Amino acid sequence: MNGKATPYRVVPFAWGSDAAKQAVAIRFAVFVDEQRVPAEEEIDAIDDIAYHVIAFDGDEPVATGRLFDGDAEKKLGKIGRMAVLKSHRGSGAGSTIIRALMEEAVRRDYGELALSAQLHAIPFYERHGFSAYGDAYDDAGIPHRMMKKRLSPSRAT
C-alpha cells in the first residue's frame, strides 16, 4: 500500500486449469505443510464456484486467493484461501492478491467483504481497510477472527 509497483503479475484462473494446480500447490505448502491443516480440508466445494487469482514473480507462482458470494441479497462477498509462499511474505505478494480480489469485488458490485483471518494476519488485513469483529474461534486448529470491509462503488482500496 506504499504506492510502489510490485514485480507481481496477477492472473485470474478457472478451477481445473493449470494455474489451479499451481494455486493448490501454494495452498498445500502454506496450509497443509506449514500450518498442519488436514489435507482433506484444504480443497472444498467453494473452489468450483469461486473467482480465483494467482500471483507470479516472473514465471514462479507465489501467492493465491479466492473470492465468492457470501450473501448475494446483502451484496456480501467473501475472500478466502489467501496464501503466500514463505519466500515471498512481506514482499507485497499478499497485498497484490488482496487488491486484485477487492477490485473484482467492486466490479461485482459487492457492498461489503468479509474474511476469516488467522490472528497473526489481522494487522495485514487492517492495512487493507478490514476491521476485526466478534470473538476468536478455532478453524482447523488455528485461531481466527472474522473481519469485514465496506466497499465504495468507485474503489476497492
Protein backbone atom coordinates (compact mmCIF):
# COMPACT_ATOMS: atom_id res chain seq x y z
CA MET A 1 0.00 0.00 0.00
CA ASN A 2 3.04 2.29 -0.29
CA GLY A 3 2.36 3.10 -3.93
CA LYS A 4 5.43 1.28 -5.21
CA ALA A 5 4.96 -1.05 -8.13
CA THR A 6 5.38 -4.70 -7.27
CA PRO A 7 7.02 -7.24 -9.55
CA TYR A 8 3.95 -9.47 -9.37
CA ARG A 9 1.66 -10.33 -12.24
CA VAL A 10 -1.83 -11.39 -11.12
CA VAL A 11 -3.85 -13.74 -13.29
CA PRO A 12 -7.44 -14.88 -12.76
CA PHE A 13 -7.96 -18.57 -13.48
CA ALA A 14 -10.64 -21.23 -13.77
CA TRP A 15 -10.72 -24.12 -11.33
CA GLY A 16 -9.32 -27.21 -13.05
CA SER A 17 -6.81 -25.23 -15.14
CA ASP A 18 -3.01 -25.49 -14.95
CA ALA A 19 -3.00 -22.31 -12.82
CA ALA A 20 -5.38 -24.04 -10.40
CA LYS A 21 -2.83 -26.83 -9.96
CA GLN A 22 -0.20 -24.19 -9.17
CA ALA A 23 -2.56 -22.48 -6.68
CA VAL A 24 -3.26 -25.81 -4.97
CA ALA A 25 0.50 -26.36 -4.63
CA ILE A 26 0.83 -22.93 -2.94
CA ARG A 27 -2.13 -23.63 -0.63
CA PHE A 28 -0.79 -27.04 0.34
CA ALA A 29 2.70 -25.62 1.00
CA VAL A 30 1.25 -22.94 3.29
CA PHE A 31 -1.77 -24.54 4.93
CA VAL A 32 -1.05 -28.28 4.93
CA ASP A 33 2.76 -28.45 5.13
CA GLU A 34 3.48 -25.35 7.27
CA GLN A 35 0.30 -24.99 9.33
CA ARG A 36 -0.70 -28.65 9.54
CA VAL A 37 -4.26 -28.14 8.25
CA PRO A 38 -5.61 -31.60 7.32
CA ALA A 39 -5.16 -32.10 3.57
CA GLU A 40 -8.77 -33.26 3.17
CA GLU A 41 -9.99 -29.86 4.47
CA GLU A 42 -7.98 -27.74 2.08
CA ILE A 43 -9.96 -28.23 -1.14
CA ASP A 44 -13.70 -27.66 -0.87
CA ALA A 45 -16.85 -27.18 -2.94
CA ILE A 46 -16.35 -23.40 -2.95
CA ASP A 47 -13.31 -23.85 -5.19
CA ASP A 48 -15.63 -24.91 -8.03
CA ILE A 49 -17.63 -21.66 -7.88
CA ALA A 50 -15.11 -19.07 -6.64
CA TYR A 51 -13.23 -16.42 -8.57
CA HIS A 52 -9.53 -17.29 -8.19
CA VAL A 53 -6.32 -15.34 -8.75
CA ILE A 54 -2.67 -16.29 -8.66
CA ALA A 55 0.37 -14.01 -8.48
CA PHE A 56 3.56 -14.74 -10.37
CA ASP A 57 7.06 -13.46 -9.71
CA GLY A 58 8.38 -13.87 -13.23
CA ASP A 59 7.25 -17.41 -14.07
CA GLU A 60 7.10 -18.57 -10.44
CA PRO A 61 3.64 -18.85 -8.83
CA VAL A 62 3.97 -17.32 -5.34
CA ALA A 63 0.53 -16.35 -3.96
CA THR A 64 -3.15 -17.06 -4.43
CA GLY A 65 -6.60 -16.22 -3.11
CA ARG A 66 -10.27 -16.55 -3.93
CA LEU A 67 -13.49 -14.51 -3.84
CA PHE A 68 -17.04 -15.83 -3.68
CA ASP A 69 -20.59 -14.85 -2.83
CA GLY A 70 -21.19 -14.75 0.91
CA ASP A 71 -24.75 -13.44 0.72
CA ALA A 72 -25.96 -12.21 -2.67
CA GLU A 73 -29.01 -10.45 -1.20
CA LYS A 74 -26.82 -8.41 1.13
CA LYS A 75 -24.19 -7.83 -1.61
CA LEU A 76 -21.61 -9.55 0.60
CA GLY A 77 -18.51 -11.12 -0.89
CA LYS A 78 -16.05 -13.35 0.94
CA ILE A 79 -12.32 -13.63 0.50
CA GLY A 80 -10.63 -16.88 1.38
CA ARG A 81 -7.66 -19.19 0.95
CA MET A 82 -5.19 -16.31 0.85
CA ALA A 83 -1.78 -17.97 0.74
CA VAL A 84 1.71 -16.60 0.07
CA LEU A 85 4.78 -18.80 -0.15
CA LYS A 86 7.12 -18.25 2.80
CA SER A 87 9.85 -16.99 0.46
CA HIS A 88 7.64 -14.10 -0.67
CA ARG A 89 5.98 -12.97 2.57
CA GLY A 90 6.45 -9.30 3.31
CA SER A 91 7.32 -8.55 -0.32
CA GLY A 92 3.93 -7.25 -1.47
CA ALA A 93 2.65 -10.50 -2.98
CA GLY A 94 -0.23 -10.77 -0.49
CA SER A 95 -1.16 -7.11 -0.99
CA THR A 96 -1.18 -7.66 -4.75
CA ILE A 97 -3.59 -10.59 -4.32
CA ILE A 98 -5.96 -8.84 -1.93
CA ARG A 99 -6.10 -5.71 -4.10
CA ALA A 100 -6.97 -7.85 -7.13
CA LEU A 101 -9.75 -9.57 -5.17
CA MET A 102 -11.09 -6.25 -3.86
CA GLU A 103 -11.12 -4.82 -7.40
CA GLU A 104 -13.12 -7.82 -8.58
CA ALA A 105 -15.49 -7.37 -5.61
CA VAL A 106 -16.15 -3.77 -6.68
CA ARG A 107 -16.69 -4.94 -10.28
CA ARG A 108 -19.26 -7.44 -8.95
CA ASP A 109 -20.97 -4.63 -7.02
CA TYR A 110 -20.42 -6.10 -3.58
CA GLY A 111 -21.07 -3.55 -0.85
CA GLU A 112 -19.04 -5.38 1.76
CA LEU A 113 -16.33 -8.00 2.01
CA ALA A 114 -15.79 -10.49 4.83
CA LEU A 115 -12.99 -12.90 5.58
CA SER A 116 -11.83 -15.25 8.30
CA ALA A 117 -8.35 -14.14 9.37
CA GLN A 118 -5.77 -16.09 11.29
CA LEU A 119 -4.97 -13.95 14.34
CA HIS A 120 -1.39 -13.29 13.26
CA ALA A 121 -2.65 -11.95 9.89
CA ILE A 122 -5.08 -9.38 11.33
CA PRO A 123 -2.57 -6.47 11.02
CA PHE A 124 -2.10 -7.30 7.31
CA TYR A 125 -5.84 -7.14 6.65
CA GLU A 126 -6.21 -3.99 8.77
CA ARG A 127 -3.68 -2.28 6.48
CA HIS A 128 -6.13 -3.02 3.65
CA GLY A 129 -9.09 -1.49 5.46
CA PHE A 130 -10.61 -4.54 7.16
CA SER A 131 -11.86 -4.44 10.76
CA ALA A 132 -11.99 -7.42 13.09
CA TYR A 133 -15.22 -8.25 14.90
CA GLY A 134 -16.53 -10.98 17.17
CA ASP A 135 -14.63 -13.42 19.32
CA ALA A 136 -11.71 -15.58 18.24
CA TYR A 137 -12.62 -19.11 17.16
CA ASP A 138 -10.82 -22.25 16.08
CA ASP A 139 -10.65 -23.28 12.43
CA ALA A 140 -8.56 -26.39 11.68
CA GLY A 141 -6.67 -25.91 14.95
CA ILE A 142 -5.73 -22.28 14.17
CA PRO A 143 -7.28 -19.28 16.00
CA HIS A 144 -9.21 -16.93 13.68
CA ARG A 145 -11.40 -13.84 13.85
CA MET A 146 -13.90 -12.54 11.34
CA MET A 147 -13.09 -9.30 9.54
CA LYS A 148 -15.10 -7.05 7.23
CA LYS A 149 -14.68 -4.05 4.97
CA ARG A 150 -17.27 -1.75 3.40
CA LEU A 151 -16.62 -1.12 -0.28
CA SER A 152 -17.13 2.10 -2.13
CA PRO A 153 -18.62 1.60 -5.60
CA SER A 154 -15.74 3.54 -7.14
CA ARG A 155 -12.73 1.97 -5.45
CA ALA A 156 -11.59 -1.11 -3.53
CA THR A 157 -8.53 0.11 -1.61
